[in-house]
Every structure is written in structure tokens, then in C-alpha cells.
Amino acid sequence: MPAQLRRAPKARWNERFQKAGRVLASFTLTADLTGTVQIGYAADATEPGKADHGDLALDLTDVFVAVGEAAADAGRGVVLLFDEIQFLAPAQLEALISAIHKVVQRSLPVTMVGAGLPLIAELVGDAKSYAERLFQFPTIGDLDDRDAREALDGPAKIEGASFESDALELALQITGRYPYFLQELGYAVWGVASGTVITRDDVSDAEALYTAKLDESFFRVRFDRCTNRQKQYLRAMAELGPGKQKAQDVASVLKRESSQVAPIRAELIGMGLLYTPDYGYADFTVPHFESFMLRVMPDLEVIG
């Protein structure tokens, strides 16, 4: 067993555990119905000098270290899981990275897994230059052909049904093998198919229902957050087709100079709707968004 996970004497572990509890009690975190997060410290801190600095990075580090010391003495590890990490404010992201860095330096058994859009690697690097050495950034993209087929046919077989090979082929074409899209198409097909063998016609019949569901929820929630000029920029990107698009080409579609629309592009990146796979290029953060833009805005009207 690694040294940091060897159980300490019970008395020492109890002391560490109690200290961690006091530090956690000093640290406050609240969230309102809008999703706004506020982090601070209790005025009557029960562990003076810990998590009571009024500085998020220092306070969060104190919490992580205290929890890590208690976990090490107990012979346990702690994994922190964060979703949609791109929506953390810069100060929150910096504090999180600093705290993880400290526990790594002290070889404490605390780590984290963060999930989010492709731009998180850039955000983390901007927050702390050493973050590139601290974290790994694996890309989770579309499923391969075999796994995509299994994602549909496997659950169907559990329920005594199955997909024909042609049906699976069409399903993969429609969804692009994107995991969430496979899930939504599978749900739509299940309600349309009448027999235990799901055919290509069943998948074809379910496509409109599947597309409507994505348009009304998955795509619409992103679209509705945009101003008219932001929607226009997204529509101009869709005009150029799927995949990454050069900023200069999008500006040309809008009959503008790149510098004139650069602020809009930056806003969309900050909102998590676009990311920059290469210098001077942008792409949608979710697949098939260009198809949605063509459906929701059939005509590209350039705003003067």
C-alpha cells in the first residue's frame, strides 16, 4: 500500500478527522436558485487560522489539505467530481487549481476529475500556467462504430428486442455516433417501433421526433441565450458547413472585417458555444449545431 494510504494510529486519525471537520465548518458555500455560487468563511471560525482568510484560494487550500490529511490517516482517498467546469468563474478555477496543486505537493490522497467542453484545457492553462503539468486532458468524443452499435442494440436485447444491421447503420449516420444523440434516437425509436425487431424504416420514422426533441431542448437552450448579433454569427458559421471555420471566412459571410466581429466571437467562446481548436479558427462545442442553425434560421440576414 502506498505510504500516503497507510492507516495511522486511531488516536491520530481521530485528531485529524476532527480538525478537518472544524476547517470545513469554517468554510461556507451557498448557491441560490439562479445557480450563483457564493463562497466565504464563518465569522466564528472553529479552527482559527484555517479557511478564514477571506481569500478563496487560501481557504479552499486549507480545506483540501485538512481533508487530505484526515483521509491519509484513515488509509483512504478522496476524489472530487466536477461537471460543466467551464462555467466556474476565473477566481474559482484558480482557487481550485491552487488547492489541488498543494495537496499534490504534499502527496495527500486527494484528486479531482473535471468534465466540460473542449475549451476547459485553455481555461485551465490561462488560470494557472503550471496546470498543464498538473492535469491530463483526455478528449471524449464520438463513440467508435462498435460501441455506438452496442449502445443501441445492447439495451434492446436486454428487453427482448434487437436492431437490424441496416437500422443501426442509419442510426449511426443520423447521430454521428455522439453518445447523447444515440440515447435520444434510441428513445424515439423505441416509441415508434411496433415489433421486437427494429428496422431501418423504424429509425427513419423516428428521426423527425428525435430532431424535434433536440431542437426543443438540447439546441434551443443554447440558442435562446444569444443576442441577435450572436445568433447571426452562429448562422454565418453554419453557412460555411460543419467543422472548424476560419474567423476571416465567417467575417466575409457577414460582409465585415474580422476585427469588427471579433468581440462577438469572443463572447460566444466565453458562453461555451464555440471553442478554438486552432489559432484563427472556431468550431461549435456540440455536434450538429450548424444543422440546427440552418433549421431555426433558414435565411441568413446580415444586420447592418
Protein backbone atom coordinates (compact mmCIF):
# COMPACT_ATOMS: atom_id res chain seq x y z
CA MET A 1 0.00 0.00 0.00
CA PRO A 2 1.34 3.48 -0.85
CA ALA A 3 2.75 5.32 2.15
CA GLN A 4 0.10 8.08 2.00
CA LEU A 5 -2.69 5.47 2.28
CA ARG A 6 -1.33 3.54 5.26
CA ARG A 7 -3.69 3.79 8.18
CA ALA A 8 -2.37 5.94 11.04
CA PRO A 9 -2.92 5.12 14.72
CA LYS A 10 -6.57 5.58 15.69
CA ALA A 11 -5.90 8.48 18.05
CA ARG A 12 -4.04 10.41 15.38
CA TRP A 13 -6.70 9.70 12.81
CA ASN A 14 -9.43 10.94 15.17
CA GLU A 15 -7.49 14.14 15.73
CA ARG A 16 -7.05 14.71 12.00
CA PHE A 17 -10.70 13.91 11.34
CA GLN A 18 -11.89 16.35 13.97
CA LYS A 19 -9.57 19.04 12.63
CA ALA A 20 -10.90 18.51 9.11
CA GLY A 21 -14.42 18.88 10.46
CA ARG A 22 -13.55 22.17 12.14
CA VAL A 23 -11.92 23.51 8.98
CA LEU A 24 -14.93 22.51 6.91
CA ALA A 25 -17.18 24.23 9.43
CA SER A 26 -15.19 27.42 8.94
CA PHE A 27 -15.76 27.32 5.19
CA THR A 28 -19.15 28.23 3.73
CA LEU A 29 -20.61 27.61 0.29
CA THR A 30 -24.09 28.60 -0.80
CA ALA A 31 -25.95 28.53 -4.13
CA ASP A 32 -29.20 30.32 -4.99
CA LEU A 33 -31.90 29.28 -7.44
CA THR A 34 -30.13 31.05 -10.32
CA GLY A 35 -27.04 28.88 -9.82
CA THR A 36 -24.93 31.71 -8.40
CA VAL A 37 -22.35 30.29 -6.01
CA GLN A 38 -21.02 32.25 -3.03
CA ILE A 39 -18.04 31.04 -1.02
CA GLY A 40 -16.84 32.54 2.25
CA TYR A 41 -15.92 31.77 5.85
CA ALA A 42 -17.74 31.72 9.15
CA ALA A 43 -17.12 34.69 11.44
CA ASP A 44 -16.83 32.39 14.46
CA ALA A 45 -14.35 30.00 12.82
CA THR A 46 -13.85 26.88 14.92
CA GLU A 47 -10.31 26.30 13.63
CA PRO A 48 -8.62 29.74 13.86
CA GLY A 49 -6.23 30.48 11.02
CA LYS A 50 -7.75 27.83 8.75
CA ALA A 51 -10.23 28.60 5.97
CA ASP A 52 -10.88 32.01 7.49
CA HIS A 53 -8.54 34.20 5.40
CA GLY A 54 -11.26 35.71 3.25
CA ASP A 55 -9.21 34.62 0.23
CA LEU A 56 -10.82 31.81 -1.76
CA ALA A 57 -7.55 30.21 -2.90
CA LEU A 58 -6.11 30.10 0.64
CA ASP A 59 -9.37 28.96 2.23
CA LEU A 60 -10.03 26.20 -0.29
CA THR A 61 -6.43 25.01 0.06
CA ASP A 62 -6.88 24.78 3.82
CA VAL A 63 -10.00 22.67 3.32
CA PHE A 64 -8.36 20.32 0.82
CA VAL A 65 -5.25 19.88 2.96
CA ALA A 66 -7.26 19.18 6.12
CA VAL A 67 -9.48 16.65 4.33
CA GLY A 68 -6.42 15.10 2.66
CA GLU A 69 -4.57 14.68 5.96
CA ALA A 70 -7.61 13.02 7.52
CA ALA A 71 -8.04 10.73 4.51
CA ALA A 72 -4.33 9.78 4.58
CA ASP A 73 -4.50 8.87 8.26
CA ALA A 74 -7.61 6.78 7.59
CA GLY A 75 -5.93 4.97 4.71
CA ARG A 76 -8.47 6.31 2.25
CA GLY A 77 -8.52 8.52 -0.85
CA VAL A 78 -10.79 11.38 -1.88
CA VAL A 79 -11.95 12.07 -5.44
CA LEU A 80 -13.70 15.35 -6.22
CA LEU A 81 -16.00 15.31 -9.26
CA PHE A 82 -16.90 18.49 -11.14
CA ASP A 83 -19.20 18.80 -14.14
CA GLU A 84 -19.51 21.80 -16.51
CA ILE A 85 -16.23 23.09 -15.15
CA GLN A 86 -16.04 25.75 -17.86
CA PHE A 87 -18.69 27.75 -16.00
CA LEU A 88 -16.50 28.34 -12.96
CA ALA A 89 -15.53 31.98 -12.55
CA PRO A 90 -11.81 32.64 -13.13
CA ALA A 91 -11.19 33.21 -9.42
CA GLN A 92 -12.97 29.95 -8.55
CA LEU A 93 -10.99 27.99 -11.14
CA GLU A 94 -7.70 29.49 -9.95
CA ALA A 95 -8.55 28.59 -6.35
CA LEU A 96 -9.46 25.02 -7.29
CA ILE A 97 -6.21 24.53 -9.20
CA SER A 98 -4.14 26.04 -6.38
CA ALA A 99 -5.76 23.77 -3.81
CA ILE A 100 -5.19 20.64 -5.90
CA HIS A 101 -1.59 21.72 -6.52
CA LYS A 102 -0.96 21.98 -2.79
CA VAL A 103 -2.30 18.51 -1.97
CA VAL A 104 -0.24 17.07 -4.83
CA GLN A 105 2.88 18.75 -3.44
CA ARG A 106 2.17 17.21 -0.04
CA SER A 107 1.39 13.78 -1.56
CA LEU A 108 -2.05 13.76 0.04
CA PRO A 109 -4.62 11.29 -1.37
CA VAL A 110 -6.92 13.90 -2.92
CA THR A 111 -7.54 14.23 -6.64
CA MET A 112 -10.22 15.58 -8.94
CA VAL A 113 -11.97 14.76 -12.19
CA GLY A 114 -13.48 17.65 -14.11
CA ALA A 115 -15.74 17.36 -17.15
CA GLY A 116 -16.73 20.06 -19.58
CA LEU A 117 -16.48 21.48 -23.05
CA PRO A 118 -13.32 21.40 -25.20
CA LEU A 119 -12.27 24.88 -24.09
CA ILE A 120 -11.52 23.82 -20.50
CA ALA A 121 -7.90 22.98 -21.32
CA GLU A 122 -7.41 26.56 -22.47
CA LEU A 123 -9.26 27.99 -19.47
CA VAL A 124 -7.23 25.94 -17.02
CA GLY A 125 -3.98 26.93 -18.70
CA ASP A 126 -4.94 30.60 -18.57
CA ALA A 127 -5.86 30.31 -14.89
CA LYS A 128 -2.54 28.76 -13.82
CA SER A 129 0.42 28.23 -16.13
CA TYR A 130 1.52 25.09 -14.28
CA ALA A 131 -1.90 23.47 -14.73
CA GLU A 132 -0.77 21.80 -17.96
CA ARG A 133 1.68 19.74 -15.90
CA LEU A 134 -0.81 19.10 -13.12
CA PHE A 135 -3.69 17.68 -15.14
CA GLN A 136 -4.33 15.42 -18.10
CA PHE A 137 -6.89 16.49 -20.71
CA PRO A 138 -8.28 13.41 -22.47
CA THR A 139 -10.82 14.09 -25.20
CA ILE A 140 -14.09 12.21 -25.02
CA GLY A 141 -15.63 12.38 -28.46
CA ASP A 142 -17.93 10.27 -30.58
CA LEU A 143 -18.13 6.55 -29.95
CA ASP A 144 -16.43 4.22 -32.36
CA ASP A 145 -18.62 2.16 -34.69
CA ARG A 146 -18.69 -0.94 -32.50
CA ASP A 147 -19.51 0.88 -29.26
CA ALA A 148 -22.16 3.03 -30.94
CA ARG A 149 -23.94 -0.08 -32.22
CA GLU A 150 -23.73 -1.70 -28.80
CA ALA A 151 -25.17 1.44 -27.17
CA LEU A 152 -28.38 0.88 -29.12
CA ASP A 153 -28.56 -2.87 -29.64
CA GLY A 154 -27.29 -3.89 -26.18
CA PRO A 155 -30.15 -2.36 -24.14
CA ALA A 156 -32.67 -3.50 -26.76
CA LYS A 157 -31.54 -7.11 -26.40
CA ILE A 158 -31.92 -6.91 -22.62
CA GLU A 159 -35.60 -6.10 -23.26
CA GLY A 160 -36.02 -8.91 -25.79
CA ALA A 161 -35.68 -6.79 -28.92
CA SER A 162 -32.94 -6.13 -31.46
CA PHE A 163 -31.89 -3.75 -34.24
CA GLU A 164 -31.41 -4.88 -37.81
CA SER A 165 -27.98 -4.13 -39.20
CA ASP A 166 -29.40 -1.59 -41.67
CA ALA A 167 -31.27 0.11 -38.86
CA LEU A 168 -28.09 0.52 -36.85
CA GLU A 169 -26.27 1.86 -39.90
CA LEU A 170 -28.87 4.57 -40.39
CA ALA A 171 -28.91 5.39 -36.68
CA LEU A 172 -25.16 5.94 -36.68
CA GLN A 173 -25.43 8.19 -39.74
CA ILE A 174 -28.15 10.30 -38.12
CA THR A 175 -26.43 10.70 -34.76
CA GLY A 176 -22.80 10.85 -35.88
CA ARG A 177 -22.19 8.34 -33.04
CA TYR A 178 -22.45 11.15 -30.44
CA PRO A 179 -23.41 9.44 -27.14
CA TYR A 180 -26.28 11.72 -26.11
CA PHE A 181 -27.74 11.71 -29.61
CA LEU A 182 -27.67 7.90 -29.65
CA GLN A 183 -29.61 7.93 -26.39
CA GLU A 184 -32.27 10.30 -27.72
CA LEU A 185 -32.64 8.45 -31.01
CA GLY A 186 -32.92 5.13 -29.20
CA TYR A 187 -35.68 6.59 -27.03
CA ALA A 188 -37.55 7.89 -30.07
CA VAL A 189 -37.21 4.62 -31.99
CA TRP A 190 -38.43 2.59 -29.03
CA GLY A 191 -41.69 4.51 -29.03
CA VAL A 192 -42.18 4.17 -32.80
CA ALA A 193 -41.27 0.52 -33.42
CA SER A 194 -44.16 -1.93 -33.15
CA GLY A 195 -42.27 -5.22 -33.21
CA THR A 196 -39.33 -6.77 -31.42
CA VAL A 197 -37.11 -6.35 -34.48
CA ILE A 198 -36.32 -2.67 -35.08
CA THR A 199 -35.97 -1.93 -38.78
CA ARG A 200 -34.42 0.80 -40.88
CA ASP A 201 -37.94 2.15 -41.52
CA ASP A 202 -38.49 2.42 -37.75
CA VAL A 203 -35.35 4.50 -37.40
CA SER A 204 -36.35 6.65 -40.36
CA ASP A 205 -39.84 7.19 -38.91
CA ALA A 206 -38.35 8.21 -35.55
CA GLU A 207 -35.90 10.75 -37.00
CA ALA A 208 -38.36 13.66 -37.03
CA LEU A 209 -39.31 13.06 -33.40
CA TYR A 210 -35.65 12.77 -32.44
CA THR A 211 -34.74 16.00 -34.25
CA ALA A 212 -37.65 17.90 -32.70
CA LYS A 213 -36.63 16.78 -29.22
CA LEU A 214 -33.05 18.00 -29.72
CA ASP A 215 -34.23 21.28 -31.25
CA GLU A 216 -36.62 21.99 -28.40
CA SER A 217 -34.19 21.25 -25.59
CA PHE A 218 -30.55 20.46 -26.29
CA PHE A 219 -30.02 23.08 -29.00
CA ARG A 220 -32.69 25.61 -28.04
CA VAL A 221 -31.33 26.30 -24.55
CA ARG A 222 -28.05 27.37 -26.14
CA PHE A 223 -29.66 29.39 -28.91
CA ASP A 224 -32.00 31.30 -26.60
CA ARG A 225 -29.08 32.67 -24.56
CA CYS A 226 -27.76 34.57 -27.58
CA THR A 227 -28.32 38.13 -28.74
CA ASN A 228 -29.39 38.77 -32.31
CA ARG A 229 -25.83 39.55 -33.39
CA GLN A 230 -24.54 36.39 -31.72
CA LYS A 231 -27.21 34.33 -33.48
CA GLN A 232 -26.20 35.97 -36.74
CA TYR A 233 -22.56 34.98 -36.19
CA LEU A 234 -23.56 31.38 -35.45
CA ARG A 235 -25.74 31.33 -38.55
CA ALA A 236 -22.84 32.61 -40.65
CA MET A 237 -20.67 29.77 -39.35
CA ALA A 238 -23.39 27.29 -40.26
CA GLU A 239 -23.47 28.76 -43.75
CA LEU A 240 -19.88 27.55 -44.18
CA GLY A 241 -20.75 23.97 -43.20
CA PRO A 242 -19.75 21.61 -40.36
CA GLY A 243 -16.35 21.61 -38.70
CA LYS A 244 -13.99 24.39 -37.70
CA GLN A 245 -14.28 27.66 -39.57
CA LYS A 246 -11.73 30.40 -40.08
CA ALA A 247 -12.66 33.67 -38.38
CA GLN A 248 -11.89 35.62 -41.53
CA ASP A 249 -14.26 33.44 -43.59
CA VAL A 250 -17.11 33.97 -41.11
CA ALA A 251 -16.49 37.71 -41.21
CA SER A 252 -16.65 37.60 -45.01
CA VAL A 253 -20.05 35.91 -44.91
CA LEU A 254 -21.20 38.74 -42.65
CA LYS A 255 -19.64 41.31 -45.01
CA ARG A 256 -17.44 42.56 -42.19
CA GLU A 257 -13.79 42.74 -41.29
CA SER A 258 -12.53 40.15 -38.80
CA SER A 259 -11.79 42.87 -36.25
CA GLN A 260 -15.40 44.08 -36.41
CA VAL A 261 -16.90 40.72 -35.41
CA ALA A 262 -14.07 39.51 -33.17
CA PRO A 263 -15.86 40.73 -29.99
CA ILE A 264 -18.94 38.67 -30.88
CA ARG A 265 -16.80 35.61 -31.49
CA ALA A 266 -15.10 36.13 -28.11
CA GLU A 267 -18.50 36.41 -26.40
CA LEU A 268 -19.64 33.11 -27.91
CA ILE A 269 -16.44 31.41 -26.78
CA GLY A 270 -16.95 32.78 -23.28
CA MET A 271 -20.53 31.46 -23.28
CA GLY A 272 -19.28 27.97 -24.16
CA LEU A 273 -20.97 27.87 -27.56
CA LEU A 274 -17.72 27.99 -29.55
CA TYR A 275 -14.15 26.93 -28.90
CA THR A 276 -10.87 27.44 -30.74
CA PRO A 277 -9.38 24.15 -31.98
CA ASP A 278 -6.64 26.03 -33.84
CA TYR A 279 -5.39 29.60 -33.98
CA GLY A 280 -7.77 31.75 -36.01
CA TYR A 281 -10.46 29.07 -36.14
CA ALA A 282 -13.63 28.34 -34.17
CA ASP A 283 -15.96 25.38 -34.00
CA PHE A 284 -19.25 24.63 -32.27
CA THR A 285 -18.81 22.96 -28.89
CA VAL A 286 -21.63 20.50 -29.61
CA PRO A 287 -22.02 18.48 -32.85
CA HIS A 288 -24.71 19.16 -35.43
CA PHE A 289 -25.31 22.67 -34.13
CA GLU A 290 -24.77 24.00 -37.64
CA SER A 291 -27.71 21.87 -38.84
CA PHE A 292 -29.89 23.29 -36.10
CA MET A 293 -28.92 26.84 -37.06
CA LEU A 294 -29.97 26.16 -40.65
CA ARG A 295 -33.32 24.85 -39.42
CA VAL A 296 -34.04 27.62 -36.92
CA MET A 297 -32.75 30.42 -39.19
CA PRO A 298 -33.33 29.26 -42.77
CA ASP A 299 -32.27 32.62 -44.17
CA LEU A 300 -29.09 34.50 -43.29
CA GLU A 301 -29.97 38.16 -42.82
CA VAL A 302 -26.96 40.36 -42.24
CA ILE A 303 -27.69 43.00 -39.61
CA GLY A 304 -26.35 46.41 -40.51
